[in-house]
Amino acid sequence: MSGDKATQTAPVFTGRRWFFPSALIHELDPDAERSGRRPRRTARDWAVDFSCFLLAVGVGLLGAEAVAANTRVPEPLATADQMLGALSCAAIWLRRRWPLGLAAVMVPVSFVSETSGGVAVIALFTLAVHRPFRYVAWVGGAHAALVPLYFWWRPDPDLPYLASIVLFMVLTVAVVGWGMFVRSKRQLMLSLRDRARRAETEARLRAEQAQRLAREAIAREMHDVLAHRLTLLSVHAGALEFRPDAPREEIARAAGVIRESAHEALQDLREIIGVLRAGESDDAGRPQPTLAALDTLVAESREAGMKVTLDHRVTDPAAVPASVGRTAYRIAQEGLTNARKHAPGTEVTVSVTGGPGQGLAVTVRNPRPEGDVPHVPGAGQGLIGLTERATLAGGTLQHGPTPDGGFEVRARLPWT
């Protein structure tokens, strides 16, 4: 978990940070978002801000010359105009921190000061880059509303009144459009960042779900395999406990079955643990049992002392699909295990019928046991697992008591 957290909190920019705007780095870098500090200017920001400052100074100098050459402007008003222009140029360095405040202040300042026109345009562009369109619309609308009054108050000596208004309107629309284009590019980059994060999260969740499903499948396999082996051990150990005076041959045979069953159980457990450690598929290690191994399963149960009748009507068990055959084997195995635990001494009937296109039917039935049978802890969990296994294979499984007091497990599996 710590590795995933480290991956999520790793900085996005590990190389050329100077090439990107500080505001964009602040949005994309998780560390910057959590720090709460204002983004520091990058080398690119310093270069852009200094260029904007020079541009504003250049436009201000041209405006100062025009004001000085205009004989209708009194000298005190020209001096005040130049002072406002100088203060506006200095305020350029605040445009990233307060874009809306600077743009709003520049509306009345640029109306009374011709040397502040360049700063007003740059402030409007900055507002379009850093704030939503509604703020740009209000400030830009205020500029547009004052344009006719400005050129009526200070007419341009080289351009007609209407041409001056149209030129300024075109310049305002171009600046706003340029700023909105830059903002849309940044928003696109942020949306791609969010999409990439969501994709990584979804991929991680899918991987965790796949791992959980694999572990559940391994747990079902462990239950099906070990329950069968351990019940064999329990039956033979119980026989030795209640018949200590049995013949040596019978005691030796029971001990041999116990030893072999314990060895098989350890081998199965070792393989399942190996799958958990190595992450291998279910097909790793020894071949998984299929329907062809049903005869061996019945023979093991008979050696354990069970009375089992096998009605095997599938002519070619090897033709059964591997997944369907494995599911049928596990159903028969779990049915025999349950009969051994809950109905000891009864005769169990295992029936397997079907063919290609007809499906495969598996039935495990046992009659009512004689006498009282002690309750077995955890009873019913295996049937739940079998139902889920049959459903995953595309079939159905039903189980319940029979009219004569016995128990029956019926499964129907597809065989195309």
Protein backbone atom coordinates (compact mmCIF):
# COMPACT_ATOMS: atom_id res chain seq x y z
CA MET A 1 0.00 0.00 0.00
CA SER A 2 2.86 2.33 0.76
CA GLY A 3 4.25 1.75 -2.72
CA ASP A 4 0.95 2.81 -4.32
CA LYS A 5 0.82 5.90 -2.13
CA ALA A 6 4.35 6.82 -3.11
CA THR A 7 3.44 6.41 -6.74
CA GLN A 8 0.42 8.68 -6.39
CA THR A 9 2.29 11.43 -4.56
CA ALA A 10 5.35 11.46 -6.85
CA PRO A 11 5.92 14.87 -8.46
CA VAL A 12 4.67 15.15 -12.01
CA PHE A 13 7.48 17.42 -13.18
CA THR A 14 10.90 15.94 -12.56
CA GLY A 15 12.75 17.63 -15.42
CA ARG A 16 12.25 20.97 -17.16
CA ARG A 17 10.07 22.77 -14.64
CA TRP A 18 11.32 26.12 -15.90
CA PHE A 19 9.58 25.51 -19.24
CA PHE A 20 6.04 25.43 -17.74
CA PRO A 21 3.94 28.18 -16.14
CA SER A 22 3.97 28.11 -12.35
CA ALA A 23 0.15 28.07 -12.21
CA LEU A 24 0.05 24.92 -14.35
CA ILE A 25 2.72 23.20 -12.26
CA HIS A 26 0.75 24.09 -9.13
CA GLU A 27 -2.35 22.37 -10.57
CA LEU A 28 -0.55 19.29 -11.88
CA ASP A 29 1.87 18.66 -9.04
CA PRO A 30 0.22 16.90 -6.05
CA ASP A 31 2.93 18.13 -3.66
CA ALA A 32 2.27 21.75 -4.66
CA GLU A 33 -1.48 21.28 -4.14
CA ARG A 34 -1.02 19.91 -0.62
CA SER A 35 1.52 22.53 0.47
CA GLY A 36 -1.01 25.39 0.21
CA ARG A 37 1.70 27.87 -0.76
CA ARG A 38 1.45 30.20 -3.73
CA PRO A 39 3.27 28.91 -6.79
CA ARG A 40 6.72 30.40 -7.27
CA ARG A 41 7.59 31.94 -10.61
CA THR A 42 9.51 29.71 -12.95
CA ALA A 43 12.14 30.94 -15.41
CA ARG A 44 9.44 31.04 -18.06
CA ASP A 45 7.25 33.24 -15.83
CA TRP A 46 10.08 35.67 -15.22
CA ALA A 47 10.79 35.91 -18.95
CA VAL A 48 7.11 36.44 -19.82
CA ASP A 49 6.54 38.98 -17.04
CA PHE A 50 9.64 40.93 -17.98
CA SER A 51 8.55 40.94 -21.64
CA CYS A 52 5.09 42.18 -20.62
CA PHE A 53 6.71 44.88 -18.49
CA LEU A 54 8.86 46.06 -21.42
CA LEU A 55 5.83 46.02 -23.71
CA ALA A 56 3.79 48.07 -21.24
CA VAL A 57 6.67 50.54 -20.83
CA GLY A 58 7.00 50.85 -24.61
CA VAL A 59 3.28 51.49 -25.08
CA GLY A 60 3.38 53.92 -22.16
CA LEU A 61 6.24 55.90 -23.71
CA LEU A 62 4.35 56.16 -26.99
CA GLY A 63 1.30 57.32 -25.08
CA ALA A 64 3.38 59.87 -23.14
CA GLU A 65 4.70 61.33 -26.41
CA ALA A 66 1.17 61.55 -27.79
CA VAL A 67 -0.07 63.29 -24.62
CA ALA A 68 2.88 65.73 -24.69
CA ALA A 69 2.27 66.53 -28.34
CA ASN A 70 -1.42 67.18 -27.75
CA THR A 71 -1.71 70.90 -27.07
CA ARG A 72 -5.24 70.53 -25.73
CA VAL A 73 -4.01 68.52 -22.73
CA PRO A 74 -2.78 70.74 -19.86
CA GLU A 75 0.69 70.04 -18.51
CA PRO A 76 -0.48 69.03 -15.00
CA LEU A 77 -2.89 66.52 -16.56
CA ALA A 78 -0.10 65.16 -18.78
CA THR A 79 2.17 64.77 -15.75
CA ALA A 80 -0.58 62.95 -13.83
CA ASP A 81 -1.14 60.75 -16.87
CA GLN A 82 2.53 59.77 -16.96
CA MET A 83 2.62 59.05 -13.22
CA LEU A 84 -0.42 56.78 -13.52
CA GLY A 85 1.27 55.05 -16.45
CA ALA A 86 4.42 54.46 -14.43
CA LEU A 87 2.46 53.01 -11.51
CA SER A 88 0.47 50.81 -13.89
CA CYS A 89 3.67 49.44 -15.44
CA ALA A 90 4.95 48.57 -11.96
CA ALA A 91 1.67 46.81 -11.21
CA ILE A 92 2.37 44.40 -14.10
CA TRP A 93 4.35 42.26 -11.64
CA LEU A 94 1.15 41.69 -9.63
CA ARG A 95 -0.88 40.36 -12.53
CA ARG A 96 -0.39 36.65 -11.62
CA ARG A 97 -1.35 37.11 -7.99
CA TRP A 98 -4.38 39.37 -8.47
CA PRO A 99 -5.51 39.08 -12.10
CA LEU A 100 -9.13 40.11 -11.45
CA GLY A 101 -8.24 43.01 -9.16
CA LEU A 102 -5.64 44.42 -11.54
CA ALA A 103 -7.93 44.13 -14.57
CA ALA A 104 -10.82 45.79 -12.71
CA VAL A 105 -8.62 48.66 -11.48
CA MET A 106 -7.22 49.23 -14.95
CA VAL A 107 -10.70 49.93 -16.37
CA PRO A 108 -11.02 53.46 -14.83
CA VAL A 109 -7.24 54.05 -14.85
CA SER A 110 -6.89 53.40 -18.58
CA PHE A 111 -9.90 55.66 -19.20
CA VAL A 112 -8.19 58.67 -17.63
CA SER A 113 -4.57 57.75 -18.48
CA GLU A 114 -3.50 57.18 -22.07
CA THR A 115 -0.09 55.84 -20.98
CA SER A 116 -1.82 52.95 -19.12
CA GLY A 117 -3.43 51.50 -22.24
CA GLY A 118 -0.81 48.75 -22.67
CA VAL A 119 -1.15 47.64 -19.04
CA ALA A 120 -4.94 47.46 -19.41
CA VAL A 121 -4.62 45.15 -22.45
CA ILE A 122 -2.09 42.89 -20.69
CA ALA A 123 -4.28 42.77 -17.55
CA LEU A 124 -7.29 41.76 -19.65
CA PHE A 125 -5.25 38.98 -21.30
CA THR A 126 -4.07 37.73 -17.90
CA LEU A 127 -7.66 37.72 -16.62
CA ALA A 128 -8.76 35.61 -19.61
CA VAL A 129 -5.97 33.10 -18.90
CA HIS A 130 -6.47 32.70 -15.15
CA ARG A 131 -10.18 33.25 -14.54
CA PRO A 132 -13.49 31.94 -15.99
CA PHE A 133 -15.20 33.73 -18.84
CA ARG A 134 -17.82 35.46 -16.68
CA TYR A 135 -15.15 37.68 -15.11
CA VAL A 136 -13.64 38.40 -18.53
CA ALA A 137 -17.07 39.32 -19.87
CA TRP A 138 -17.68 41.87 -17.10
CA VAL A 139 -14.28 43.55 -17.38
CA GLY A 140 -14.20 43.39 -21.18
CA GLY A 141 -17.75 44.77 -21.33
CA ALA A 142 -16.74 47.68 -19.11
CA HIS A 143 -13.82 48.46 -21.43
CA ALA A 144 -16.09 48.25 -24.49
CA ALA A 145 -18.66 50.55 -22.89
CA LEU A 146 -16.02 53.22 -22.17
CA VAL A 147 -14.37 53.10 -25.60
CA PRO A 148 -16.82 55.52 -27.33
CA LEU A 149 -16.54 57.96 -24.43
CA TYR A 150 -12.74 57.71 -24.40
CA PHE A 151 -12.32 58.53 -28.09
CA TRP A 152 -14.98 61.25 -27.85
CA TRP A 153 -12.98 62.78 -24.96
CA ARG A 154 -9.58 62.15 -26.53
CA PRO A 155 -9.99 61.76 -30.30
CA ASP A 156 -7.13 60.21 -32.25
CA PRO A 157 -5.63 62.82 -34.61
CA ASP A 158 -4.72 60.17 -37.26
CA LEU A 159 -7.89 58.03 -37.32
CA PRO A 160 -11.58 58.84 -37.65
CA TYR A 161 -13.77 58.40 -34.59
CA LEU A 162 -15.57 55.27 -35.87
CA ALA A 163 -12.35 53.65 -37.11
CA SER A 164 -10.71 54.16 -33.70
CA ILE A 165 -13.62 52.47 -31.95
CA VAL A 166 -13.63 49.51 -34.37
CA LEU A 167 -9.84 49.07 -34.10
CA PHE A 168 -9.95 49.04 -30.30
CA MET A 169 -12.87 46.60 -30.29
CA VAL A 170 -10.99 44.23 -32.60
CA LEU A 171 -7.90 44.47 -30.38
CA THR A 172 -9.97 43.71 -27.26
CA VAL A 173 -11.66 40.68 -28.86
CA ALA A 174 -8.31 39.37 -30.12
CA VAL A 175 -6.68 39.69 -26.70
CA VAL A 176 -9.60 38.00 -24.95
CA GLY A 177 -9.70 35.22 -27.55
CA TRP A 178 -5.97 34.62 -27.23
CA GLY A 179 -6.22 34.44 -23.44
CA MET A 180 -9.17 32.03 -23.58
CA PHE A 181 -7.25 29.82 -26.03
CA VAL A 182 -4.33 29.61 -23.61
CA ARG A 183 -6.73 28.83 -20.76
CA SER A 184 -8.46 26.10 -22.78
CA LYS A 185 -5.10 24.45 -23.50
CA ARG A 186 -4.31 24.39 -19.80
CA GLN A 187 -7.76 23.06 -18.97
CA LEU A 188 -7.26 20.32 -21.56
CA MET A 189 -3.97 19.34 -19.95
CA LEU A 190 -5.62 19.25 -16.52
CA SER A 191 -8.49 17.12 -17.84
CA LEU A 192 -6.00 14.70 -19.39
CA ARG A 193 -4.22 14.55 -16.02
CA ASP A 194 -7.50 13.73 -14.27
CA ARG A 195 -8.35 11.14 -16.90
CA ALA A 196 -4.94 9.50 -16.49
CA ARG A 197 -5.39 9.41 -12.71
CA ARG A 198 -8.84 7.86 -13.08
CA ALA A 199 -7.45 5.30 -15.52
CA GLU A 200 -4.68 4.40 -13.07
CA THR A 201 -7.19 4.10 -10.24
CA GLU A 202 -9.52 1.93 -12.33
CA ALA A 203 -6.61 -0.26 -13.44
CA ARG A 204 -5.52 -0.69 -9.82
CA LEU A 205 -9.09 -1.56 -8.77
CA ARG A 206 -9.40 -4.06 -11.62
CA ALA A 207 -6.10 -5.64 -10.60
CA GLU A 208 -7.23 -5.86 -6.97
CA GLN A 209 -10.55 -7.36 -8.04
CA ALA A 210 -8.81 -9.90 -10.25
CA GLN A 211 -6.49 -10.80 -7.38
CA ARG A 212 -9.45 -11.14 -5.02
CA LEU A 213 -11.28 -13.40 -7.48
CA ALA A 214 -8.16 -15.50 -7.95
CA ARG A 215 -7.77 -15.90 -4.20
CA GLU A 216 -11.43 -16.86 -3.86
CA ALA A 217 -10.98 -19.49 -6.56
CA ILE A 218 -7.91 -20.82 -4.77
CA ALA A 219 -9.83 -20.87 -1.49
CA ARG A 220 -12.63 -22.89 -3.11
CA GLU A 221 -10.07 -25.27 -4.56
CA MET A 222 -8.42 -25.63 -1.17
CA HIS A 223 -11.76 -26.42 0.47
CA ASP A 224 -12.75 -28.97 -2.17
CA VAL A 225 -9.41 -30.77 -2.11
CA LEU A 226 -8.52 -30.72 1.56
CA ALA A 227 -12.03 -31.50 2.80
CA HIS A 228 -12.01 -34.73 0.82
CA ARG A 229 -8.55 -35.75 2.03
CA LEU A 230 -9.20 -34.86 5.66
CA THR A 231 -12.50 -36.73 5.83
CA LEU A 232 -10.67 -39.85 4.65
CA LEU A 233 -8.20 -39.32 7.46
CA SER A 234 -11.05 -38.83 9.93
CA VAL A 235 -12.85 -42.01 8.86
CA HIS A 236 -9.80 -44.27 9.14
CA ALA A 237 -8.57 -42.66 12.34
CA GLY A 238 -12.03 -43.16 13.84
CA ALA A 239 -12.01 -46.82 12.80
CA LEU A 240 -8.66 -47.35 14.50
CA GLU A 241 -9.92 -45.57 17.62
CA PHE A 242 -13.11 -47.62 17.99
CA ARG A 243 -11.58 -50.96 16.90
CA PRO A 244 -8.18 -51.22 18.57
CA ASP A 245 -8.51 -55.04 18.42
CA ALA A 246 -8.84 -55.16 14.61
CA PRO A 247 -6.59 -57.58 12.67
CA ARG A 248 -3.08 -56.40 11.83
CA GLU A 249 -3.82 -56.44 8.11
CA GLU A 250 -6.79 -54.08 8.53
CA ILE A 251 -4.83 -51.80 10.86
CA ALA A 252 -1.93 -51.73 8.38
CA ARG A 253 -4.27 -50.96 5.48
CA ALA A 254 -5.95 -48.13 7.43
CA ALA A 255 -2.58 -46.73 8.44
CA GLY A 256 -1.45 -46.85 4.81
CA VAL A 257 -4.56 -44.97 3.68
CA ILE A 258 -3.99 -42.38 6.42
CA ARG A 259 -0.37 -41.94 5.39
CA GLU A 260 -1.20 -41.66 1.69
CA SER A 261 -4.10 -39.27 2.30
CA ALA A 262 -1.94 -37.08 4.53
CA HIS A 263 0.77 -37.05 1.87
CA GLU A 264 -1.74 -36.09 -0.84
CA ALA A 265 -3.25 -33.40 1.38
CA LEU A 266 0.18 -31.91 2.06
CA GLN A 267 1.02 -32.04 -1.65
CA ASP A 268 -2.23 -30.27 -2.58
CA LEU A 269 -1.71 -27.68 0.15
CA ARG A 270 1.88 -27.12 -1.00
CA GLU A 271 0.72 -26.51 -4.57
CA ILE A 272 -2.00 -24.08 -3.50
CA ILE A 273 0.43 -22.13 -1.33
CA GLY A 274 2.87 -22.12 -4.25
CA VAL A 275 0.20 -20.55 -6.44
CA LEU A 276 -0.41 -17.88 -3.79
CA ARG A 277 3.29 -17.08 -3.55
CA ALA A 278 4.21 -17.22 -7.22
CA GLY A 279 0.95 -15.87 -8.65
CA GLU A 280 0.69 -18.78 -11.09
CA SER A 281 -2.53 -19.87 -12.72
CA ASP A 282 -4.75 -22.70 -11.53
CA ASP A 283 -3.31 -24.93 -14.23
CA ALA A 284 0.18 -24.85 -12.73
CA GLY A 285 1.69 -27.85 -10.93
CA ARG A 286 -0.04 -31.20 -11.20
CA PRO A 287 -2.83 -31.54 -13.79
CA GLN A 288 -6.20 -30.53 -12.42
CA PRO A 289 -8.71 -33.39 -12.12
CA THR A 290 -11.33 -33.80 -14.81
CA LEU A 291 -14.28 -36.09 -15.32
CA ALA A 292 -11.92 -38.91 -16.33
CA ALA A 293 -10.59 -38.99 -12.75
CA LEU A 294 -14.05 -39.73 -11.32
CA ASP A 295 -13.38 -43.47 -11.20
CA THR A 296 -10.25 -42.87 -9.11
CA LEU A 297 -12.22 -40.66 -6.72
CA VAL A 298 -14.88 -43.34 -6.23
CA ALA A 299 -12.18 -45.97 -5.71
CA GLU A 300 -10.56 -43.87 -2.98
CA SER A 301 -13.90 -43.47 -1.24
CA ARG A 302 -14.53 -47.22 -1.41
CA GLU A 303 -11.10 -47.91 0.07
CA ALA A 304 -12.06 -45.60 2.92
CA GLY A 305 -15.00 -47.86 3.68
CA MET A 306 -17.78 -45.96 1.92
CA LYS A 307 -20.49 -47.68 -0.06
CA VAL A 308 -20.50 -45.87 -3.40
CA THR A 309 -22.44 -46.75 -6.55
CA LEU A 310 -21.22 -45.02 -9.71
CA ASP A 311 -23.59 -44.62 -12.64
CA HIS A 312 -21.28 -43.25 -15.33
CA ARG A 313 -23.13 -42.89 -18.66
CA VAL A 314 -20.70 -40.58 -20.46
CA THR A 315 -19.10 -42.69 -23.17
CA ASP A 316 -16.09 -40.43 -23.75
CA PRO A 317 -15.16 -38.50 -20.58
CA ALA A 318 -12.05 -37.10 -22.28
CA ALA A 319 -14.29 -35.20 -24.74
CA VAL A 320 -15.88 -33.18 -21.94
CA PRO A 321 -14.47 -29.61 -21.83
CA ALA A 322 -11.80 -29.28 -19.15
CA SER A 323 -13.61 -26.60 -17.14
CA VAL A 324 -16.92 -28.50 -17.20
CA GLY A 325 -15.24 -31.78 -16.31
CA ARG A 326 -13.32 -30.20 -13.45
CA THR A 327 -16.54 -28.66 -12.09
CA ALA A 328 -18.35 -32.01 -12.33
CA TYR A 329 -15.47 -33.72 -10.53
CA ARG A 330 -15.54 -31.17 -7.71
CA ILE A 331 -19.30 -31.53 -7.33
CA ALA A 332 -18.99 -35.30 -7.00
CA GLN A 333 -16.05 -34.90 -4.63
CA GLU A 334 -17.92 -32.46 -2.38
CA GLY A 335 -21.03 -34.67 -2.45
CA LEU A 336 -19.04 -37.70 -1.31
CA THR A 337 -17.33 -35.64 1.38
CA ASN A 338 -20.65 -34.36 2.71
CA ALA A 339 -22.18 -37.84 2.67
CA ARG A 340 -19.18 -39.19 4.58
CA LYS A 341 -19.56 -36.47 7.22
CA HIS A 342 -23.34 -36.19 7.56
CA ALA A 343 -24.55 -39.68 6.59
CA PRO A 344 -21.84 -42.16 7.54
CA GLY A 345 -22.52 -45.79 6.68
CA THR A 346 -25.11 -45.06 3.98
CA GLU A 347 -24.81 -46.05 0.34
CA VAL A 348 -24.07 -43.05 -1.88
CA THR A 349 -25.11 -43.00 -5.53
CA VAL A 350 -23.15 -40.86 -7.99
CA SER A 351 -24.75 -40.42 -11.40
CA VAL A 352 -23.19 -38.65 -14.38
CA THR A 353 -25.08 -38.49 -17.69
CA GLY A 354 -25.13 -36.32 -20.77
CA GLY A 355 -23.48 -35.66 -24.09
CA PRO A 356 -22.43 -32.91 -26.51
CA GLY A 357 -25.27 -30.47 -27.06
CA GLN A 358 -27.31 -32.02 -24.24
CA GLY A 359 -25.35 -30.82 -21.25
CA LEU A 360 -23.88 -32.73 -18.36
CA ALA A 361 -25.98 -33.79 -15.36
CA VAL A 362 -24.29 -34.73 -12.08
CA THR A 363 -26.28 -36.17 -9.16
CA VAL A 364 -25.01 -37.27 -5.75
CA ARG A 365 -27.67 -38.89 -3.53
CA ASN A 366 -27.58 -40.60 -0.17
CA PRO A 367 -30.42 -42.03 1.96
CA ARG A 368 -31.24 -41.09 5.52
CA PRO A 369 -28.53 -42.18 7.98
CA GLU A 370 -29.33 -44.61 10.76
CA GLY A 371 -29.15 -43.12 14.25
CA ASP A 372 -28.11 -39.64 15.28
CA VAL A 373 -25.22 -37.95 13.50
CA PRO A 374 -23.27 -35.28 15.42
CA HIS A 375 -23.32 -31.76 13.99
CA VAL A 376 -20.29 -30.91 11.88
CA PRO A 377 -18.98 -27.30 12.25
CA GLY A 378 -19.02 -25.21 9.10
CA ALA A 379 -21.65 -27.34 7.39
CA GLY A 380 -23.08 -25.79 4.23
CA GLN A 381 -20.05 -23.73 3.18
CA GLY A 382 -19.01 -26.30 0.60
CA LEU A 383 -22.42 -26.26 -1.06
CA ILE A 384 -22.28 -22.49 -1.30
CA GLY A 385 -18.93 -22.76 -3.04
CA LEU A 386 -20.27 -25.47 -5.38
CA THR A 387 -23.24 -23.30 -6.34
CA GLU A 388 -20.93 -20.44 -7.21
CA ARG A 389 -18.60 -22.76 -9.13
CA ALA A 390 -21.51 -24.17 -11.17
CA THR A 391 -22.80 -20.66 -11.88
CA LEU A 392 -19.37 -19.53 -13.10
CA ALA A 393 -19.30 -22.56 -15.43
CA GLY A 394 -22.65 -21.48 -16.91
CA GLY A 395 -24.73 -24.15 -15.16
CA THR A 396 -26.99 -24.54 -12.16
CA LEU A 397 -26.83 -26.48 -8.91
CA GLN A 398 -29.63 -27.49 -6.57
CA HIS A 399 -29.45 -29.34 -3.28
CA GLY A 400 -31.81 -30.35 -0.56
CA PRO A 401 -33.45 -33.24 1.32
CA THR A 402 -35.26 -36.04 -0.47
CA PRO A 403 -38.71 -37.41 0.46
CA ASP A 404 -37.14 -40.43 2.18
CA GLY A 405 -35.09 -38.24 4.50
CA GLY A 406 -31.88 -38.39 2.53
CA PHE A 407 -30.01 -35.66 0.72
CA GLU A 408 -29.40 -34.95 -2.96
CA VAL A 409 -27.15 -32.62 -4.93
CA ARG A 410 -28.17 -32.02 -8.57
CA ALA A 411 -26.08 -30.05 -11.04
CA ARG A 412 -26.64 -29.19 -14.67
CA LEU A 413 -23.60 -28.04 -16.65
CA PRO A 414 -23.37 -26.88 -20.29
CA TRP A 415 -21.63 -29.09 -22.86
CA THR A 416 -21.65 -27.49 -26.27
